């Protein structure tokens, strides 16, 4: 049986991974001048960082619940936050070209 503390820990892992993915995707969109480059980098590099975060939070800090199978762990802690973070950045946040930056003083 899954406890409330286990579910809360799992939600922390999912929220942290979603936030990290959204921030990394935004960083790639701002820094790269290509159209597909930011998406490719987000799809290739974000899961690696998310995997390290899952190992730290679930191993070192003992957060999360026993999901029963490795496929469920990958789905809940990696794929869902990856899709949520990328979707948040691409559809909720404005495009980096649309953001007006303040003038710099030279």
N, C-alpha and C. Protein backbone atom coordinates (compact mmCIF):
# COMPACT_ATOMS: atom_id res chain seq x y z
N UNK A 1 0.84 -1.17 0.00
CA UNK A 1 0.00 0.00 0.00
C UNK A 1 0.89 1.24 0.00
N UNK A 2 0.49 2.21 -0.73
CA UNK A 2 1.25 3.45 -0.87
C UNK A 2 0.79 4.42 0.21
N UNK A 3 1.75 5.04 0.87
CA UNK A 3 1.42 5.99 1.93
C UNK A 3 1.29 7.40 1.36
N UNK A 4 0.75 8.28 2.15
CA UNK A 4 0.59 9.68 1.76
C UNK A 4 1.95 10.32 1.60
N UNK A 5 2.89 9.96 2.45
CA UNK A 5 4.25 10.51 2.37
C UNK A 5 4.92 10.06 1.07
N UNK A 6 4.69 8.82 0.66
CA UNK A 6 5.25 8.33 -0.60
C UNK A 6 4.69 9.06 -1.80
N UNK A 7 3.39 9.31 -1.78
CA UNK A 7 2.76 10.05 -2.87
C UNK A 7 3.25 11.49 -2.90
N UNK A 8 3.40 12.11 -1.74
CA UNK A 8 3.92 13.47 -1.67
C UNK A 8 5.35 13.53 -2.20
N UNK A 9 6.16 12.56 -1.85
CA UNK A 9 7.54 12.51 -2.37
C UNK A 9 7.57 12.33 -3.87
N UNK A 10 6.67 11.51 -4.38
CA UNK A 10 6.59 11.31 -5.83
C UNK A 10 6.16 12.59 -6.52
N UNK A 11 5.23 13.33 -5.93
CA UNK A 11 4.82 14.62 -6.50
C UNK A 11 5.96 15.62 -6.49
N UNK A 12 6.79 15.60 -5.45
CA UNK A 12 7.96 16.48 -5.41
C UNK A 12 8.90 16.15 -6.56
N UNK A 13 9.14 14.87 -6.78
CA UNK A 13 10.02 14.46 -7.88
C UNK A 13 9.45 14.91 -9.22
N UNK A 14 8.16 14.71 -9.42
CA UNK A 14 7.53 15.09 -10.69
C UNK A 14 7.58 16.61 -10.89
N UNK A 15 7.30 17.38 -9.85
CA UNK A 15 7.32 18.84 -9.97
C UNK A 15 8.73 19.37 -10.20
N UNK A 16 9.71 18.82 -9.50
CA UNK A 16 11.09 19.26 -9.70
C UNK A 16 11.55 18.94 -11.12
N UNK A 17 11.25 17.74 -11.59
CA UNK A 17 11.64 17.36 -12.95
C UNK A 17 10.93 18.21 -14.00
N UNK A 18 9.67 18.53 -13.78
CA UNK A 18 8.95 19.38 -14.72
C UNK A 18 9.55 20.79 -14.76
N UNK A 19 9.88 21.33 -13.60
CA UNK A 19 10.47 22.67 -13.54
C UNK A 19 11.85 22.69 -14.20
N UNK A 20 12.65 21.68 -13.94
CA UNK A 20 13.99 21.61 -14.55
C UNK A 20 13.87 21.51 -16.06
N UNK A 21 12.95 20.71 -16.54
CA UNK A 21 12.76 20.57 -17.98
C UNK A 21 12.31 21.89 -18.61
N UNK A 22 11.38 22.58 -17.97
CA UNK A 22 10.91 23.86 -18.50
C UNK A 22 12.04 24.89 -18.53
N UNK A 23 12.85 24.92 -17.49
CA UNK A 23 13.97 25.87 -17.45
C UNK A 23 15.04 25.53 -18.48
N UNK A 24 15.35 24.26 -18.62
CA UNK A 24 16.35 23.86 -19.61
C UNK A 24 15.85 24.13 -21.03
N UNK A 25 14.58 23.87 -21.28
CA UNK A 25 14.01 24.13 -22.60
C UNK A 25 14.04 25.62 -22.90
N UNK A 26 13.71 26.44 -21.91
CA UNK A 26 13.77 27.90 -22.11
C UNK A 26 15.20 28.35 -22.39
N UNK A 27 16.15 27.79 -21.66
CA UNK A 27 17.56 28.14 -21.88
C UNK A 27 17.97 27.79 -23.31
N UNK A 28 17.60 26.60 -23.77
CA UNK A 28 17.96 26.20 -25.13
C UNK A 28 17.26 27.08 -26.17
N UNK A 29 16.03 27.47 -25.92
CA UNK A 29 15.31 28.33 -26.88
C UNK A 29 15.93 29.71 -26.95
N UNK A 30 16.44 30.21 -25.83
CA UNK A 30 17.04 31.55 -25.82
C UNK A 30 18.42 31.52 -26.46
N UNK A 31 19.20 30.49 -26.18
CA UNK A 31 20.59 30.45 -26.63
C UNK A 31 20.78 29.98 -28.06
N UNK A 32 19.94 29.08 -28.54
CA UNK A 32 20.14 28.52 -29.87
C UNK A 32 19.36 29.32 -30.90
N UNK A 33 19.96 29.53 -32.04
CA UNK A 33 19.33 30.31 -33.10
C UNK A 33 18.63 29.44 -34.13
N UNK A 34 18.58 28.15 -33.91
CA UNK A 34 17.93 27.26 -34.85
C UNK A 34 16.49 27.01 -34.43
N UNK A 35 15.71 26.50 -35.35
CA UNK A 35 14.31 26.26 -35.06
C UNK A 35 14.10 24.93 -34.34
N UNK A 36 14.79 23.89 -34.77
CA UNK A 36 14.62 22.57 -34.20
C UNK A 36 15.68 22.23 -33.16
N UNK A 37 16.74 23.01 -33.09
CA UNK A 37 17.84 22.70 -32.19
C UNK A 37 17.44 22.66 -30.73
N UNK A 38 16.62 23.61 -30.32
CA UNK A 38 16.23 23.64 -28.91
C UNK A 38 15.38 22.43 -28.53
N UNK A 39 14.53 21.99 -29.44
CA UNK A 39 13.71 20.82 -29.16
C UNK A 39 14.56 19.55 -29.11
N UNK A 40 15.51 19.45 -30.03
CA UNK A 40 16.39 18.27 -30.05
C UNK A 40 17.24 18.23 -28.78
N UNK A 41 17.83 19.36 -28.41
CA UNK A 41 18.61 19.39 -27.18
C UNK A 41 17.75 19.08 -25.96
N UNK A 42 16.53 19.61 -25.94
CA UNK A 42 15.64 19.34 -24.80
C UNK A 42 15.29 17.86 -24.72
N UNK A 43 15.05 17.24 -25.85
CA UNK A 43 14.69 15.82 -25.85
C UNK A 43 15.88 14.92 -25.53
N UNK A 44 17.09 15.38 -25.80
CA UNK A 44 18.27 14.54 -25.56
C UNK A 44 18.93 14.81 -24.20
N UNK A 45 18.98 16.04 -23.76
CA UNK A 45 19.72 16.37 -22.54
C UNK A 45 18.85 16.41 -21.28
N UNK A 46 17.61 16.83 -21.41
CA UNK A 46 16.74 16.91 -20.23
C UNK A 46 16.53 15.56 -19.55
N UNK A 47 16.30 14.47 -20.28
CA UNK A 47 16.13 13.19 -19.58
C UNK A 47 17.36 12.75 -18.78
N UNK A 48 18.54 13.11 -19.24
CA UNK A 48 19.75 12.76 -18.49
C UNK A 48 19.78 13.49 -17.15
N UNK A 49 19.50 14.77 -17.19
CA UNK A 49 19.48 15.57 -15.96
C UNK A 49 18.34 15.11 -15.05
N UNK A 50 17.20 14.80 -15.64
CA UNK A 50 16.06 14.33 -14.85
C UNK A 50 16.37 12.99 -14.19
N UNK A 51 17.08 12.11 -14.89
CA UNK A 51 17.46 10.82 -14.33
C UNK A 51 18.36 11.00 -13.11
N UNK A 52 19.30 11.93 -13.19
CA UNK A 52 20.18 12.21 -12.05
C UNK A 52 19.36 12.75 -10.88
N UNK A 53 18.40 13.62 -11.16
CA UNK A 53 17.55 14.16 -10.10
C UNK A 53 16.72 13.06 -9.46
N UNK A 54 16.19 12.15 -10.27
CA UNK A 54 15.41 11.03 -9.72
C UNK A 54 16.30 10.17 -8.83
N UNK A 55 17.52 9.90 -9.28
CA UNK A 55 18.43 9.11 -8.45
C UNK A 55 18.75 9.80 -7.13
N UNK A 56 18.95 11.12 -7.17
CA UNK A 56 19.25 11.85 -5.94
C UNK A 56 18.04 11.91 -5.00
N UNK A 57 16.89 12.28 -5.54
CA UNK A 57 15.72 12.45 -4.68
C UNK A 57 15.17 11.13 -4.16
N UNK A 58 15.18 10.11 -5.00
CA UNK A 58 14.62 8.84 -4.55
C UNK A 58 15.64 7.98 -3.82
N UNK A 59 16.92 8.13 -4.13
CA UNK A 59 17.93 7.32 -3.48
C UNK A 59 18.50 7.95 -2.24
N UNK A 60 19.04 9.15 -2.38
CA UNK A 60 19.70 9.82 -1.25
C UNK A 60 18.68 10.33 -0.24
N UNK A 61 17.61 10.98 -0.74
CA UNK A 61 16.63 11.58 0.16
C UNK A 61 15.43 10.68 0.44
N UNK A 62 15.37 9.53 -0.18
CA UNK A 62 14.31 8.53 0.03
C UNK A 62 12.91 9.08 -0.19
N UNK A 63 12.74 9.91 -1.22
CA UNK A 63 11.42 10.41 -1.58
C UNK A 63 10.78 9.47 -2.59
N UNK A 64 9.47 9.47 -2.65
CA UNK A 64 8.76 8.70 -3.65
C UNK A 64 8.20 7.41 -3.11
N UNK A 65 7.35 6.82 -3.92
CA UNK A 65 6.69 5.58 -3.55
C UNK A 65 7.18 4.46 -4.46
N UNK A 66 6.96 3.23 -4.04
CA UNK A 66 7.28 2.08 -4.85
C UNK A 66 6.20 1.93 -5.92
N UNK A 67 6.57 2.14 -7.17
CA UNK A 67 5.59 2.10 -8.25
C UNK A 67 5.40 0.70 -8.82
N UNK A 68 6.23 -0.23 -8.44
CA UNK A 68 6.01 -1.61 -8.82
C UNK A 68 6.80 -2.10 -10.01
N UNK A 69 6.98 -1.27 -11.03
CA UNK A 69 7.71 -1.71 -12.21
C UNK A 69 8.61 -0.59 -12.73
N UNK A 70 9.69 -0.96 -13.40
CA UNK A 70 10.57 0.06 -13.98
C UNK A 70 9.86 0.90 -15.04
N UNK A 71 8.93 0.31 -15.76
CA UNK A 71 8.21 1.08 -16.78
C UNK A 71 7.36 2.18 -16.14
N UNK A 72 6.75 1.89 -15.02
CA UNK A 72 5.96 2.90 -14.32
C UNK A 72 6.85 4.02 -13.79
N UNK A 73 8.03 3.67 -13.32
CA UNK A 73 8.96 4.69 -12.82
C UNK A 73 9.39 5.62 -13.96
N UNK A 74 9.74 5.05 -15.10
CA UNK A 74 10.16 5.86 -16.25
C UNK A 74 9.01 6.74 -16.72
N UNK A 75 7.82 6.19 -16.77
CA UNK A 75 6.66 6.97 -17.22
C UNK A 75 6.34 8.11 -16.27
N UNK A 76 6.27 7.82 -14.99
CA UNK A 76 5.83 8.83 -14.02
C UNK A 76 6.92 9.84 -13.70
N UNK A 77 8.16 9.42 -13.60
CA UNK A 77 9.21 10.34 -13.16
C UNK A 77 10.02 10.95 -14.29
N UNK A 78 9.93 10.40 -15.50
CA UNK A 78 10.72 10.96 -16.61
C UNK A 78 9.85 11.44 -17.77
N UNK A 79 9.00 10.61 -18.30
CA UNK A 79 8.26 10.98 -19.50
C UNK A 79 7.17 12.02 -19.25
N UNK A 80 6.40 11.85 -18.20
CA UNK A 80 5.35 12.84 -17.91
C UNK A 80 5.94 14.21 -17.57
N UNK A 81 6.96 14.31 -16.70
CA UNK A 81 7.56 15.63 -16.47
C UNK A 81 8.25 16.22 -17.70
N UNK A 82 8.83 15.36 -18.55
CA UNK A 82 9.45 15.86 -19.77
C UNK A 82 8.40 16.48 -20.68
N UNK A 83 7.30 15.79 -20.88
CA UNK A 83 6.22 16.33 -21.72
C UNK A 83 5.61 17.58 -21.09
N UNK A 84 5.44 17.58 -19.78
CA UNK A 84 4.85 18.74 -19.10
C UNK A 84 5.77 19.96 -19.19
N UNK A 85 7.05 19.78 -18.95
CA UNK A 85 8.00 20.90 -18.98
C UNK A 85 8.15 21.49 -20.37
N UNK A 86 8.28 20.64 -21.38
CA UNK A 86 8.41 21.14 -22.74
C UNK A 86 7.12 21.83 -23.19
N UNK A 87 5.99 21.23 -22.86
CA UNK A 87 4.71 21.84 -23.22
C UNK A 87 4.53 23.18 -22.53
N UNK A 88 4.93 23.26 -21.27
CA UNK A 88 4.81 24.52 -20.54
C UNK A 88 5.63 25.62 -21.22
N UNK A 89 6.84 25.30 -21.62
CA UNK A 89 7.69 26.33 -22.21
C UNK A 89 7.22 26.70 -23.62
N UNK A 90 6.84 25.73 -24.42
CA UNK A 90 6.48 26.04 -25.81
C UNK A 90 5.09 26.66 -25.94
N UNK A 91 4.14 26.28 -25.10
CA UNK A 91 2.78 26.75 -25.30
C UNK A 91 2.33 27.80 -24.28
N UNK A 92 2.93 27.84 -23.10
CA UNK A 92 2.49 28.79 -22.09
C UNK A 92 3.34 30.05 -22.10
N UNK A 93 4.65 29.87 -22.17
CA UNK A 93 5.58 31.00 -22.14
C UNK A 93 5.65 31.65 -23.52
N UNK A 94 5.87 32.97 -23.56
CA UNK A 94 6.00 33.61 -24.87
C UNK A 94 7.32 33.21 -25.53
N UNK A 95 7.35 33.32 -26.82
CA UNK A 95 8.55 33.01 -27.57
C UNK A 95 9.66 33.99 -27.17
N UNK A 96 10.91 33.54 -27.16
CA UNK A 96 12.00 34.46 -26.79
C UNK A 96 12.09 35.68 -27.69
N UNK A 97 11.62 35.57 -28.94
CA UNK A 97 11.65 36.72 -29.85
C UNK A 97 10.61 37.78 -29.48
N UNK A 98 9.56 37.38 -28.78
CA UNK A 98 8.48 38.30 -28.42
C UNK A 98 8.73 39.06 -27.13
N UNK A 99 9.75 38.71 -26.38
CA UNK A 99 10.02 39.33 -25.09
C UNK A 99 10.89 40.56 -25.31
N UNK A 100 10.44 41.69 -24.78
CA UNK A 100 11.21 42.93 -24.88
C UNK A 100 12.15 43.02 -23.69
N UNK A 101 13.43 43.14 -24.00
CA UNK A 101 14.44 43.27 -22.95
C UNK A 101 14.74 44.74 -22.71
N UNK A 102 15.09 45.11 -21.50
CA UNK A 102 15.44 46.51 -21.24
C UNK A 102 16.74 46.88 -21.95
N UNK A 103 16.84 48.15 -22.28
CA UNK A 103 18.04 48.63 -22.97
C UNK A 103 19.23 48.59 -22.02
N UNK A 104 20.36 48.22 -22.54
CA UNK A 104 21.58 48.18 -21.73
C UNK A 104 22.27 49.52 -21.78
N UNK A 105 22.92 49.87 -20.69
CA UNK A 105 23.66 51.13 -20.65
C UNK A 105 25.11 50.85 -21.02
N UNK A 106 25.58 51.55 -22.01
CA UNK A 106 26.95 51.31 -22.47
C UNK A 106 27.81 52.52 -22.20
